[in-house]
């Protein structure tokens, strides 16, 4: 516990241990307090020791458990994909506030990662295409879609190579692309920096909007008239993203704050 507290702080360390006890061994917090960990089988105790070893090495608990929760559903996560964040849940909630259940809307999710955005939208009744440059990430996303019963079309492609889509194909283009500047690494926790895929996190300081330019180009041609573009962004670059979208001819551009009052999302219309 001391090592976990050093890494995460006492409150988060306790939450991590409760999560492991419940999800892997079926033990509630009360069970743990009553000492029922002592009644685990020899095999389970060995598994517990191995889990603690990985946690003490700084491996995120979601990778240790091979799963993460996103809007009430369990998604498989591996080091090939980012661990879904609460901010991305907020992005999806905002999107769903504009599209009624079973809308049949067509959506394109760029940089899909674990597929959490694409799959959630598909399970709400949208027709979803999702892309990523990483074959490993797409394998995880495909597995999640199959497990959760979501019908999503996955494509392996490099967003920066300006992929072409049929004109006016989508009602929605959404993306949570890499947006952490290299200089911001020093602000990041070691368990993120050392374990999550840098391909999905970082952009150069001298070109921090490179993915947003590529997304804007794809969205401008592939969105239907008045179709929606929804982006998760670096909180330090909200005005720059909004100004860039205006130059591409998008309208009704709005910046939305996350739960911590950071400017985290930009929405626009084609």
Protein backbone atom coordinates (compact mmCIF):
# COMPACT_ATOMS: atom_id res chain seq x y z
CA UNK A 1 0.00 0.00 0.00
CA UNK A 2 2.87 2.39 0.78
CA UNK A 3 4.25 2.09 -2.76
CA UNK A 4 0.80 2.63 -4.30
CA UNK A 5 0.23 5.64 -2.04
CA UNK A 6 3.54 7.06 -3.21
CA UNK A 7 2.47 6.65 -6.83
CA UNK A 8 -1.17 7.74 -6.61
CA UNK A 9 -1.94 9.24 -3.22
CA UNK A 10 -3.80 7.43 -0.44
CA UNK A 11 -7.33 7.96 -1.74
CA UNK A 12 -6.66 6.75 -5.29
CA UNK A 13 -4.48 3.89 -4.08
CA UNK A 14 -7.32 2.66 -1.86
CA UNK A 15 -9.76 2.93 -4.78
CA UNK A 16 -7.42 0.88 -6.99
CA UNK A 17 -7.17 -1.90 -4.42
CA UNK A 18 -10.95 -1.94 -3.95
CA UNK A 19 -11.41 -2.21 -7.71
CA UNK A 20 -9.02 -5.15 -7.93
CA UNK A 21 -10.59 -6.95 -4.96
CA UNK A 22 -14.10 -6.58 -6.35
CA UNK A 23 -13.55 -7.13 -10.05
CA UNK A 24 -10.98 -9.92 -9.88
CA UNK A 25 -11.92 -11.70 -6.64
CA UNK A 26 -15.55 -10.69 -6.04
CA UNK A 27 -14.79 -9.14 -2.66
CA UNK A 28 -16.51 -5.99 -1.43
CA UNK A 29 -14.84 -3.37 0.73
CA UNK A 30 -16.61 -4.91 3.73
CA UNK A 31 -15.22 -8.33 2.83
CA UNK A 32 -11.71 -6.89 2.73
CA UNK A 33 -12.17 -5.14 6.09
CA UNK A 34 -13.39 -8.41 7.59
CA UNK A 35 -10.20 -10.13 6.47
CA UNK A 36 -11.74 -12.36 3.83
CA UNK A 37 -8.71 -11.90 1.57
CA UNK A 38 -7.14 -14.52 3.84
CA UNK A 39 -9.67 -17.07 2.59
CA UNK A 40 -8.53 -16.84 -1.02
CA UNK A 41 -7.17 -20.03 -2.55
CA UNK A 42 -3.44 -20.47 -3.01
CA UNK A 43 -3.82 -19.76 -6.73
CA UNK A 44 -5.80 -16.59 -6.03
CA UNK A 45 -3.24 -15.38 -3.52
CA UNK A 46 -0.51 -15.86 -6.11
CA UNK A 47 -2.59 -13.89 -8.61
CA UNK A 48 -3.05 -11.13 -6.00
CA UNK A 49 0.73 -10.96 -5.45
CA UNK A 50 1.33 -10.71 -9.20
CA UNK A 51 -1.25 -7.93 -9.53
CA UNK A 52 0.34 -6.00 -6.66
CA UNK A 53 3.76 -6.42 -8.28
CA UNK A 54 2.51 -4.88 -11.52
CA UNK A 55 0.74 -2.06 -9.69
CA UNK A 56 3.87 -1.30 -7.67
CA UNK A 57 5.79 -1.06 -10.95
CA UNK A 58 3.40 1.69 -12.00
CA UNK A 59 1.35 -0.31 -14.52
CA UNK A 60 -2.14 1.25 -14.71
CA UNK A 61 -4.78 -0.87 -13.01
CA UNK A 62 -6.88 -0.90 -16.20
CA UNK A 63 -4.05 -2.64 -18.07
CA UNK A 64 -3.48 -5.01 -15.16
CA UNK A 65 -7.17 -5.97 -15.16
CA UNK A 66 -7.37 -5.82 -18.98
CA UNK A 67 -10.51 -3.65 -18.83
CA UNK A 68 -11.87 -0.16 -18.25
CA UNK A 69 -15.36 1.21 -17.77
CA UNK A 70 -16.81 3.71 -20.23
CA UNK A 71 -20.34 5.02 -19.70
CA UNK A 72 -21.35 1.92 -17.78
CA UNK A 73 -19.87 -0.63 -20.19
CA UNK A 74 -16.71 -2.67 -19.81
CA UNK A 75 -14.12 -2.27 -22.58
CA UNK A 76 -11.00 -4.33 -23.02
CA UNK A 77 -7.88 -2.15 -22.93
CA UNK A 78 -4.28 -3.12 -23.63
CA UNK A 79 -1.10 -1.02 -23.96
CA UNK A 80 -2.04 -0.68 -27.65
CA UNK A 81 -4.82 1.78 -26.73
CA UNK A 82 -5.37 4.72 -24.43
CA UNK A 83 -7.34 4.13 -21.26
CA UNK A 84 -10.73 5.90 -21.73
CA UNK A 85 -11.01 9.10 -19.71
CA UNK A 86 -14.02 10.75 -18.03
CA UNK A 87 -13.59 13.71 -20.38
CA UNK A 88 -14.25 11.47 -23.36
CA UNK A 89 -17.39 10.20 -21.66
CA UNK A 90 -18.46 13.85 -21.43
CA UNK A 91 -17.80 14.29 -25.16
CA UNK A 92 -20.04 11.35 -25.99
CA UNK A 93 -22.79 12.59 -23.66
CA UNK A 94 -22.70 15.95 -25.44
CA UNK A 95 -22.98 14.26 -28.83
CA UNK A 96 -25.89 12.10 -27.71
CA UNK A 97 -27.70 15.20 -26.47
CA UNK A 98 -27.91 16.26 -30.13
CA UNK A 99 -28.84 12.87 -31.61
CA UNK A 100 -31.92 11.03 -30.29
CA UNK A 101 -31.80 7.31 -29.52
CA UNK A 102 -32.01 5.16 -32.66
CA UNK A 103 -31.54 8.20 -34.87
CA UNK A 104 -29.93 6.14 -37.61
CA UNK A 105 -27.41 8.97 -38.08
CA UNK A 106 -24.17 8.16 -39.87
CA UNK A 107 -20.96 8.84 -37.94
CA UNK A 108 -17.22 8.71 -38.54
CA UNK A 109 -14.90 8.27 -35.53
CA UNK A 110 -11.29 9.17 -36.35
CA UNK A 111 -8.46 7.82 -34.11
CA UNK A 112 -10.82 5.33 -32.50
CA UNK A 113 -8.35 3.57 -30.17
CA UNK A 114 -10.29 1.10 -28.01
CA UNK A 115 -13.43 1.94 -29.96
CA UNK A 116 -15.21 3.34 -26.90
CA UNK A 117 -16.67 6.34 -28.77
CA UNK A 118 -17.62 4.44 -31.92
CA UNK A 119 -19.15 1.49 -30.08
CA UNK A 120 -21.16 3.68 -27.70
CA UNK A 121 -22.55 5.67 -30.63
CA UNK A 122 -23.37 2.48 -32.53
CA UNK A 123 -25.20 1.06 -29.53
CA UNK A 124 -27.25 4.28 -29.41
CA UNK A 125 -28.51 3.52 -32.90
CA UNK A 126 -26.00 5.26 -35.19
CA UNK A 127 -24.33 3.78 -38.27
CA UNK A 128 -20.64 4.13 -37.42
CA UNK A 129 -17.34 3.88 -39.29
CA UNK A 130 -14.19 4.07 -37.17
CA UNK A 131 -10.54 4.38 -38.17
CA UNK A 132 -7.10 4.17 -36.62
CA UNK A 133 -3.52 3.96 -37.86
CA UNK A 134 -2.67 1.23 -35.33
CA UNK A 135 -3.49 -2.35 -36.27
CA UNK A 136 -3.12 -3.33 -32.63
CA UNK A 137 -5.66 -0.71 -31.56
CA UNK A 138 -8.11 -1.84 -34.23
CA UNK A 139 -7.80 -5.46 -33.06
CA UNK A 140 -8.79 -4.32 -29.55
CA UNK A 141 -11.64 -2.17 -30.92
CA UNK A 142 -12.97 -5.02 -33.06
CA UNK A 143 -12.92 -7.35 -30.06
CA UNK A 144 -14.79 -4.78 -27.96
CA UNK A 145 -17.41 -4.33 -30.68
CA UNK A 146 -17.96 -8.08 -30.91
CA UNK A 147 -18.16 -8.49 -27.13
CA UNK A 148 -20.62 -5.63 -26.73
CA UNK A 149 -22.72 -6.48 -29.79
CA UNK A 150 -22.01 -3.28 -31.70
CA UNK A 151 -22.05 -3.11 -35.50
CA UNK A 152 -19.11 -0.84 -36.44
CA UNK A 153 -17.13 -0.72 -39.68
CA UNK A 154 -13.43 -0.45 -38.81
CA UNK A 155 -10.77 0.84 -41.21
CA UNK A 156 -7.01 0.95 -40.85
CA UNK A 157 -5.76 4.25 -42.22
CA UNK A 158 -3.38 7.12 -41.58
CA UNK A 159 -5.42 10.25 -40.88
CA UNK A 160 -2.45 12.47 -41.82
CA UNK A 161 -2.39 11.01 -45.34
CA UNK A 162 -5.69 12.81 -46.13
CA UNK A 163 -7.95 9.77 -46.62
CA UNK A 164 -10.79 10.31 -49.06
CA UNK A 165 -14.47 9.74 -48.29
CA UNK A 166 -17.58 10.15 -50.37
CA UNK A 167 -18.88 13.71 -50.28
CA UNK A 168 -21.77 14.35 -47.86
CA UNK A 169 -21.62 10.88 -46.33
CA UNK A 170 -21.83 11.55 -42.57
CA UNK A 171 -24.09 13.37 -40.14
CA UNK A 172 -21.28 13.41 -37.55
CA UNK A 173 -17.50 13.35 -37.53
CA UNK A 174 -15.98 12.89 -34.08
CA UNK A 175 -12.40 12.55 -32.88
CA UNK A 176 -10.27 12.43 -29.78
CA UNK A 177 -6.89 12.61 -31.53
CA UNK A 178 -3.38 12.98 -30.09
CA UNK A 179 -3.13 16.48 -28.61
CA UNK A 180 -0.59 16.52 -25.76
CA UNK A 181 2.39 18.68 -26.67
CA UNK A 182 5.83 17.15 -26.18
CA UNK A 183 6.71 19.92 -23.72
CA UNK A 184 3.75 18.87 -21.55
CA UNK A 185 5.28 15.46 -20.82
CA UNK A 186 6.88 16.85 -17.66
CA UNK A 187 3.38 17.50 -16.25
CA UNK A 188 2.21 13.92 -16.76
CA UNK A 189 2.09 11.12 -14.20
CA UNK A 190 4.70 8.39 -14.73
CA UNK A 191 2.04 5.65 -14.97
CA UNK A 192 0.63 7.43 -18.02
CA UNK A 193 3.93 8.48 -19.57
CA UNK A 194 5.60 5.10 -19.17
CA UNK A 195 2.72 2.80 -20.10
CA UNK A 196 0.15 4.38 -22.44
CA UNK A 197 0.89 4.53 -26.21
CA UNK A 198 2.79 7.68 -27.15
CA UNK A 199 1.43 7.37 -30.70
CA UNK A 200 -2.03 8.17 -29.33
CA UNK A 201 -0.91 10.96 -27.00
CA UNK A 202 1.74 13.33 -28.32
CA UNK A 203 2.17 15.99 -30.99
CA UNK A 204 5.15 18.26 -31.67
CA UNK A 205 5.22 21.65 -29.98
CA UNK A 206 5.75 23.35 -33.34
CA UNK A 207 2.72 21.65 -34.93
CA UNK A 208 0.21 20.89 -32.15
CA UNK A 209 -2.85 21.10 -34.41
CA UNK A 210 -1.61 18.70 -37.08
CA UNK A 211 -4.37 16.17 -36.43
CA UNK A 212 -7.07 18.83 -36.22
CA UNK A 213 -6.12 20.17 -39.65
CA UNK A 214 -6.39 16.63 -41.04
CA UNK A 215 -9.73 16.08 -39.30
CA UNK A 216 -11.07 19.39 -40.61
CA UNK A 217 -10.14 18.45 -44.18
CA UNK A 218 -11.85 15.07 -43.91
CA UNK A 219 -14.92 16.51 -42.18
CA UNK A 220 -15.36 19.41 -44.56
CA UNK A 221 -15.83 17.09 -47.52
CA UNK A 222 -17.45 14.05 -45.89
CA UNK A 223 -20.04 15.77 -43.68
CA UNK A 224 -23.54 16.39 -44.96
CA UNK A 225 -24.63 20.05 -45.13
CA UNK A 226 -25.00 21.25 -41.51
CA UNK A 227 -23.43 18.01 -40.32
CA UNK A 228 -21.69 18.11 -36.93
CA UNK A 229 -17.99 18.01 -36.09
CA UNK A 230 -17.22 17.12 -32.44
CA UNK A 231 -13.68 17.23 -31.04
CA UNK A 232 -11.88 16.64 -27.78
CA UNK A 233 -9.00 19.10 -27.51
CA UNK A 234 -6.03 20.27 -25.48
CA UNK A 235 -7.46 22.72 -22.97
CA UNK A 236 -4.65 25.18 -23.78
CA UNK A 237 -5.54 25.31 -27.48
CA UNK A 238 -9.30 25.82 -27.61
CA UNK A 239 -9.18 29.25 -29.24
CA UNK A 240 -6.61 28.09 -31.78
CA UNK A 241 -8.75 25.08 -32.75
CA UNK A 242 -11.86 27.25 -33.07
CA UNK A 243 -10.01 29.80 -35.23
CA UNK A 244 -8.64 27.05 -37.45
CA UNK A 245 -12.11 25.59 -38.01
CA UNK A 246 -13.43 29.00 -38.96
CA UNK A 247 -10.73 29.25 -41.64
CA UNK A 248 -11.90 25.93 -43.05
CA UNK A 249 -15.39 27.35 -43.38
CA UNK A 250 -17.10 25.69 -40.43
CA UNK A 251 -19.90 27.60 -38.72
CA UNK A 252 -21.70 27.58 -35.36
CA UNK A 253 -18.38 26.92 -33.66
CA UNK A 254 -18.72 26.46 -29.89
CA UNK A 255 -16.30 25.64 -27.09
CA UNK A 256 -17.56 23.50 -24.20
CA UNK A 257 -16.00 23.02 -20.78
CA UNK A 258 -15.44 19.70 -19.04
CA UNK A 259 -16.46 18.99 -15.45
CA UNK A 260 -13.33 20.76 -14.20
CA UNK A 261 -14.20 23.92 -16.17
CA UNK A 262 -11.44 23.39 -18.72
CA UNK A 263 -12.25 24.23 -22.36
CA UNK A 264 -12.13 20.62 -23.55
CA UNK A 265 -14.49 20.22 -26.53
CA UNK A 266 -15.14 22.08 -29.76
CA UNK A 267 -18.31 21.55 -31.81
CA UNK A 268 -18.97 22.99 -35.26
CA UNK A 269 -21.25 22.65 -38.28
CA UNK A 270 -20.19 22.01 -41.87
